[in-house]
């Protein structure tokens, strides 16, 4: 029994190491108004959560006018987070369709060098590494761009992301990554890439 348990623990540890060292999933997070932005990604450096901001009860005109489009929600949360904690380093976004969008406010440990704070690990959706407000660190080949048109029924983050992923997989079946750019009130785009 002890040998089986040890084998399971070693296998889990090995899988965790492989995942942690996957260069395709590594990215450099954008810094907006002093915050590193982590959307569908996690910081690689050690941090602590120091607060949370949500869109609950907001009266933001941009969010309402855009149908809760990603950029309007992100910018609102950034403004509100800066009011709450002006010394924080980053925001980890948790976005949901039809629910309350929020972000965890984080502060990196003092021992973390500045160059490490922007490093992130992105998430795969539909088998494709998804880069939002970040860029892949691994070398890539550009395959092409897909875009979606703005409509209030599909403006929320996960719907737009999933629509772009579906289009990218159809038009560029060899795509391994999608670098998504959300444009307030316009067409959202995704650059399909293959890793070298």
Foldseek 3Di string as FASTA:
>chain_A
DVVVVVVVVVVVVVVVVCLLPPLQQKWFAAADPQAGEAEQKDQPAAKDFDAKDKCPPPPDPLCVVQLNAPVSRVVVQVVVVCVVDVQFHYWHWDFDPPDMTMTTTIHGDPVDDPVRGRMIGHDDDPQAGEAENIGRPFDKDWDDKDKDFGDSVQRGDVSRVVVQVVVCCVVPVQFRYWYWDDDRNGIIMITGIHGD
